[in-house]
Each structure stands twice: as structure tokens, then as C-alpha cells.
Amino acid sequence: MRISKITAGALALALSFGSVGARAETIYMAQRTEMCADIAGGRMVEGTPIQLWPCHGKAPQLFDYDGRTRQIVARANRAFCVDDVVRQGLALVRCNATRMKWTIDSSRPAIRSQDGRCWDSLAMKTDARTRIVLWPCHGKYNQQFSYF
């Protein structure tokens, strides 16, 4: 992970949560640290897509990683987790109905599913509103996501 590229907003967010037990974090692109995983429109509704959006550190970009259940939980509404929705990409799903278990690999950086696929920006785009999908891991820039 390239700490020197962390945005001021992400650093302030990390410092504001300090060593609190369950911390909200942002998930950002390692090669474009100004772009974060974002709940589209801030809508805490089942099926809302997960997309790239400029980092702002507000509720739609705050997630908790639960190492016990290996779920990525929406901080603004803990009933919702990030999951893969067939033919749609990553989206909010009720946490009690998720299929995916996530591993956050800070050495790559990558977020992997239990079936060996990685978070991937659709069609290798890094623009705002680009959907995040699961794709076989290849390690290129569009699969390099960090959790901070």
C-alpha cells in the first residue's frame, strides 16, 4: 500500500476514528486515490449499486469490514452489506442474505471473494459512476482497491 498517496480526506477520516472498536473506513483505488467505492446516490436501499465516486468521506463511502463474518458493511445502515448481484455488479444486499465473503489483501492491494474473483472497475474505467464488479483477479490498476 502506498501511504504517501492517501488523500487528506482519507487521512482525516482515519484520524477521526482513531482506535475505536468498529471503525468506518473508505475503500479507494490504489492508483487513483481520489476515487472511492461509493453507494450510488447515498441510497440505503437493497440493490443500490456500488460505484466509483470522488472521495468525500461522507456516509455513502464509509464501510466496516467484519473480520468474523468477512462482510463489508455499510456504515450508514448496518443492515446492508456489499455483495455481488448477478449480472449487475456489486450492490447493497441485506447482510443476512449475502453470498460473498471478502478478504482484504493489503499487500496487493485487492479485495477478493471466496471464489477467487476481485473487485474490478467495469471496463477498466476509473471515472465517476463506473460500476464496481467482480472479475477474475489479474492485478491490474482497475482491481487495486485499498481499505483505509
C-alpha atoms as a PDB file:
ATOM      1  CA  MET A   1       0.000   0.000   0.000  1.00  0.00           C
ATOM      2  CA  ARG A   2       1.322   3.434  -0.896  1.00  0.00           C
ATOM      3  CA  ILE A   3       0.600   5.519   2.196  1.00  0.00           C
ATOM      4  CA  SER A   4       2.119   8.625   0.610  1.00  0.00           C
ATOM      5  CA  LYS A   5      -0.786   8.796  -1.852  1.00  0.00           C
ATOM      6  CA  ILE A   6      -3.563   8.850   0.744  1.00  0.00           C
ATOM      7  CA  THR A   7      -5.777  11.885   0.311  1.00  0.00           C
ATOM      8  CA  ALA A   8      -6.086  14.442   3.077  1.00  0.00           C
ATOM      9  CA  GLY A   9      -9.754  13.471   3.477  1.00  0.00           C
ATOM     10  CA  ALA A  10      -8.947   9.794   3.961  1.00  0.00           C
ATOM     11  CA  LEU A  11      -6.213  10.638   6.447  1.00  0.00           C
ATOM     12  CA  ALA A  12      -8.523  12.933   8.399  1.00  0.00           C
ATOM     13  CA  LEU A  13     -11.160  10.201   8.402  1.00  0.00           C
ATOM     14  CA  ALA A  14      -8.692   7.647   9.728  1.00  0.00           C
ATOM     15  CA  LEU A  15      -7.514  10.003  12.442  1.00  0.00           C
ATOM     16  CA  SER A  16     -11.057  10.930  13.441  1.00  0.00           C
ATOM     17  CA  PHE A  17     -11.933   7.295  14.141  1.00  0.00           C
ATOM     18  CA  GLY A  18      -8.600   6.537  15.807  1.00  0.00           C
ATOM     19  CA  SER A  19      -8.624   3.206  17.594  1.00  0.00           C
ATOM     20  CA  VAL A  20     -12.372   2.896  18.122  1.00  0.00           C
ATOM     21  CA  GLY A  21     -13.529  -0.750  18.083  1.00  0.00           C
ATOM     22  CA  ALA A  22     -15.569  -0.801  14.862  1.00  0.00           C
ATOM     23  CA  ARG A  23     -14.152   1.805  12.545  1.00  0.00           C
ATOM     24  CA  ALA A  24     -15.677   3.159   9.376  1.00  0.00           C
ATOM     25  CA  GLU A  25     -13.213   3.216   6.546  1.00  0.00           C
ATOM     26  CA  THR A  26     -13.099   4.183   2.920  1.00  0.00           C
ATOM     27  CA  ILE A  27     -12.296   1.853   0.062  1.00  0.00           C
ATOM     28  CA  TYR A  28     -10.308   3.693  -2.558  1.00  0.00           C
ATOM     29  CA  MET A  29      -8.444   2.905  -5.766  1.00  0.00           C
ATOM     30  CA  ALA A  30      -4.732   2.485  -5.090  1.00  0.00           C
ATOM     31  CA  GLN A  31      -3.714   4.113  -8.388  1.00  0.00           C
ATOM     32  CA  ARG A  32      -6.338   6.881  -8.259  1.00  0.00           C
ATOM     33  CA  THR A  33      -6.620   7.644  -4.575  1.00  0.00           C
ATOM     34  CA  GLU A  34      -9.126  10.407  -5.227  1.00  0.00           C
ATOM     35  CA  MET A  35     -11.694   7.764  -6.332  1.00  0.00           C
ATOM     36  CA  CYS A  36     -13.590   5.752  -3.706  1.00  0.00           C
ATOM     37  CA  ALA A  37     -16.154   2.973  -3.569  1.00  0.00           C
ATOM     38  CA  ASP A  38     -19.484   4.712  -3.098  1.00  0.00           C
ATOM     39  CA  ILE A  39     -23.102   3.713  -2.537  1.00  0.00           C
ATOM     40  CA  ALA A  40     -24.785   5.312  -5.574  1.00  0.00           C
ATOM     41  CA  GLY A  41     -26.757   8.397  -4.625  1.00  0.00           C
ATOM     42  CA  GLY A  42     -26.293   7.557  -0.943  1.00  0.00           C
ATOM     43  CA  ARG A  43     -29.412   5.381  -1.228  1.00  0.00           C
ATOM     44  CA  MET A  44     -29.522   2.826   1.588  1.00  0.00           C
ATOM     45  CA  VAL A  45     -31.864   0.538  -0.322  1.00  0.00           C
ATOM     46  CA  GLU A  46     -31.359  -3.073  -1.316  1.00  0.00           C
ATOM     47  CA  GLY A  47     -29.910  -3.316  -4.825  1.00  0.00           C
ATOM     48  CA  THR A  48     -28.246   0.117  -4.827  1.00  0.00           C
ATOM     49  CA  PRO A  49     -25.074  -0.190  -6.934  1.00  0.00           C
ATOM     50  CA  ILE A  50     -21.558   0.269  -5.631  1.00  0.00           C
ATOM     51  CA  GLN A  51     -19.701   2.651  -7.925  1.00  0.00           C
ATOM     52  CA  LEU A  52     -16.619   4.827  -8.131  1.00  0.00           C
ATOM     53  CA  TRP A  53     -17.049   8.412  -6.980  1.00  0.00           C
ATOM     54  CA  PRO A  54     -14.646  11.177  -5.958  1.00  0.00           C
ATOM     55  CA  CYS A  55     -13.704  10.632  -2.307  1.00  0.00           C
ATOM     56  CA  HIS A  56     -15.538  12.863   0.175  1.00  0.00           C
ATOM     57  CA  GLY A  57     -15.511  10.755   3.353  1.00  0.00           C
ATOM     58  CA  LYS A  58     -19.257  11.028   3.972  1.00  0.00           C
ATOM     59  CA  ALA A  59     -21.765   8.254   4.748  1.00  0.00           C
ATOM     60  CA  PRO A  60     -22.039   6.648   1.260  1.00  0.00           C
ATOM     61  CA  GLN A  61     -18.292   5.963   1.337  1.00  0.00           C
ATOM     62  CA  LEU A  62     -17.935   4.600   4.864  1.00  0.00           C
ATOM     63  CA  PHE A  63     -17.717   0.849   5.300  1.00  0.00           C
ATOM     64  CA  ASP A  64     -16.815  -1.538   8.103  1.00  0.00           C
ATOM     65  CA  TYR A  65     -15.055  -4.824   7.456  1.00  0.00           C
ATOM     66  CA  ASP A  66     -16.265  -7.541   9.797  1.00  0.00           C
ATOM     67  CA  GLY A  67     -13.371  -9.997  10.002  1.00  0.00           C
ATOM     68  CA  ARG A  68     -15.519 -12.599  11.744  1.00  0.00           C
ATOM     69  CA  THR A  69     -18.226 -12.811   9.046  1.00  0.00           C
ATOM     70  CA  ARG A  70     -15.929 -11.459   6.265  1.00  0.00           C
ATOM     71  CA  GLN A  71     -18.640  -8.994   5.241  1.00  0.00           C
ATOM     72  CA  ILE A  72     -18.247  -5.381   4.137  1.00  0.00           C
ATOM     73  CA  VAL A  73     -20.989  -3.464   5.942  1.00  0.00           C
ATOM     74  CA  ALA A  74     -22.467  -0.059   5.021  1.00  0.00           C
ATOM     75  CA  ARG A  75     -21.727   2.162   8.000  1.00  0.00           C
ATOM     76  CA  ALA A  76     -24.808   4.350   7.445  1.00  0.00           C
ATOM     77  CA  ASN A  77     -27.143   1.346   7.689  1.00  0.00           C
ATOM     78  CA  ARG A  78     -25.618  -1.775   9.200  1.00  0.00           C
ATOM     79  CA  ALA A  79     -28.463  -3.928   7.838  1.00  0.00           C
ATOM     80  CA  PHE A  80     -26.819  -3.669   4.403  1.00  0.00           C
ATOM     81  CA  CYS A  81     -23.624  -5.292   3.152  1.00  0.00           C
ATOM     82  CA  VAL A  82     -21.783  -5.260  -0.167  1.00  0.00           C
ATOM     83  CA  ASP A  83     -22.456  -8.352  -2.252  1.00  0.00           C
ATOM     84  CA  ASP A  84     -22.287  -9.455  -5.872  1.00  0.00           C
ATOM     85  CA  VAL A  85     -25.642  -9.237  -7.640  1.00  0.00           C
ATOM     86  CA  VAL A  86     -25.659 -11.478 -10.703  1.00  0.00           C
ATOM     87  CA  ARG A  87     -25.396  -9.511 -13.983  1.00  0.00           C
ATOM     88  CA  GLN A  88     -25.367  -6.190 -12.108  1.00  0.00           C
ATOM     89  CA  GLY A  89     -22.125  -5.982 -10.166  1.00  0.00           C
ATOM     90  CA  LEU A  90     -21.591  -5.063  -6.542  1.00  0.00           C
ATOM     91  CA  ALA A  91     -24.603  -3.679  -4.719  1.00  0.00           C
ATOM     92  CA  LEU A  92     -26.179  -3.369  -1.288  1.00  0.00           C
ATOM     93  CA  VAL A  93     -27.857  -6.544  -0.046  1.00  0.00           C
ATOM     94  CA  ARG A  94     -29.321  -7.332   3.360  1.00  0.00           C
ATOM     95  CA  CYS A  95     -26.434  -8.668   5.437  1.00  0.00           C
ATOM     96  CA  ASN A  96     -28.367 -11.795   6.384  1.00  0.00           C
ATOM     97  CA  ALA A  97     -28.722 -12.681   2.663  1.00  0.00           C
ATOM     98  CA  THR A  98     -25.189 -12.141   1.311  1.00  0.00           C
ATOM     99  CA  ARG A  99     -23.324 -14.817  -0.645  1.00  0.00           C
ATOM    100  CA  MET A 100     -19.830 -13.324  -0.798  1.00  0.00           C
ATOM    101  CA  LYS A 101     -17.155 -13.478   1.866  1.00  0.00           C
ATOM    102  CA  TRP A 102     -14.418 -10.885   1.364  1.00  0.00           C
ATOM    103  CA  THR A 103     -10.699 -10.958   2.007  1.00  0.00           C
ATOM    104  CA  ILE A 104      -8.930  -7.609   2.049  1.00  0.00           C
ATOM    105  CA  ASP A 105      -5.382  -8.096   0.808  1.00  0.00           C
ATOM    106  CA  SER A 106      -3.354  -5.001   1.695  1.00  0.00           C
ATOM    107  CA  SER A 107      -0.163  -6.418   0.160  1.00  0.00           C
ATOM    108  CA  ARG A 108      -1.581  -6.420  -3.418  1.00  0.00           C
ATOM    109  CA  PRO A 109      -3.872  -4.297  -2.756  1.00  0.00           C
ATOM    110  CA  ALA A 110      -7.100  -6.095  -3.598  1.00  0.00           C
ATOM    111  CA  ILE A 111     -10.476  -7.168  -2.274  1.00  0.00           C
ATOM    112  CA  ARG A 112     -11.141 -10.819  -3.124  1.00  0.00           C
ATOM    113  CA  SER A 113     -14.209 -13.012  -2.906  1.00  0.00           C
ATOM    114  CA  GLN A 114     -14.125 -16.571  -1.601  1.00  0.00           C
ATOM    115  CA  ASP A 115     -14.429 -17.835  -5.191  1.00  0.00           C
ATOM    116  CA  GLY A 116     -11.194 -16.106  -6.253  1.00  0.00           C
ATOM    117  CA  ARG A 117     -12.567 -13.038  -8.035  1.00  0.00           C
ATOM    118  CA  CYS A 118     -11.547  -9.448  -7.290  1.00  0.00           C
ATOM    119  CA  TRP A 119     -13.283  -6.090  -7.095  1.00  0.00           C
ATOM    120  CA  ASP A 120     -12.842  -4.555 -10.533  1.00  0.00           C
ATOM    121  CA  SER A 121     -13.849  -1.219 -12.074  1.00  0.00           C
ATOM    122  CA  LEU A 122     -16.005  -2.110 -15.076  1.00  0.00           C
ATOM    123  CA  ALA A 123     -14.234  -1.974 -18.465  1.00  0.00           C
ATOM    124  CA  MET A 124     -11.059  -0.683 -16.741  1.00  0.00           C
ATOM    125  CA  LYS A 125     -12.637   2.773 -16.363  1.00  0.00           C
ATOM    126  CA  THR A 126     -11.889   4.949 -13.355  1.00  0.00           C
ATOM    127  CA  ASP A 127     -14.445   7.728 -13.915  1.00  0.00           C
ATOM    128  CA  ALA A 128     -17.220   8.743 -11.546  1.00  0.00           C
ATOM    129  CA  ARG A 129     -20.254   6.430 -11.731  1.00  0.00           C
ATOM    130  CA  THR A 130     -18.208   3.462 -13.014  1.00  0.00           C
ATOM    131  CA  ARG A 131     -19.731   0.282 -11.582  1.00  0.00           C
ATOM    132  CA  ILE A 132     -17.606  -1.997  -9.435  1.00  0.00           C
ATOM    133  CA  VAL A 133     -17.974  -5.646 -10.422  1.00  0.00           C
ATOM    134  CA  LEU A 134     -16.313  -8.973  -9.635  1.00  0.00           C
ATOM    135  CA  TRP A 135     -13.849 -10.263 -12.211  1.00  0.00           C
ATOM    136  CA  PRO A 136     -11.144 -12.947 -12.241  1.00  0.00           C
ATOM    137  CA  CYS A 137      -8.120 -11.477 -10.460  1.00  0.00           C
ATOM    138  CA  HIS A 138      -5.374 -10.129 -12.737  1.00  0.00           C
ATOM    139  CA  GLY A 139      -3.830  -7.446 -10.508  1.00  0.00           C
ATOM    140  CA  LYS A 140      -4.038  -4.531 -12.954  1.00  0.00           C
ATOM    141  CA  TYR A 141      -4.775  -0.982 -11.758  1.00  0.00           C
ATOM    142  CA  ASN A 142      -8.564  -1.341 -12.011  1.00  0.00           C
ATOM    143  CA  GLN A 143      -8.500  -4.142  -9.405  1.00  0.00           C
ATOM    144  CA  GLN A 144      -6.266  -2.377  -6.915  1.00  0.00           C
ATOM    145  CA  PHE A 145      -8.520  -1.299  -4.066  1.00  0.00           C
ATOM    146  CA  SER A 146      -7.300  -0.370  -0.598  1.00  0.00           C
ATOM    147  CA  TYR A 147      -9.246  -0.176   2.637  1.00  0.00           C
ATOM    148  CA  PHE A 148      -8.132   2.611   4.964  1.00  0.00           C
END
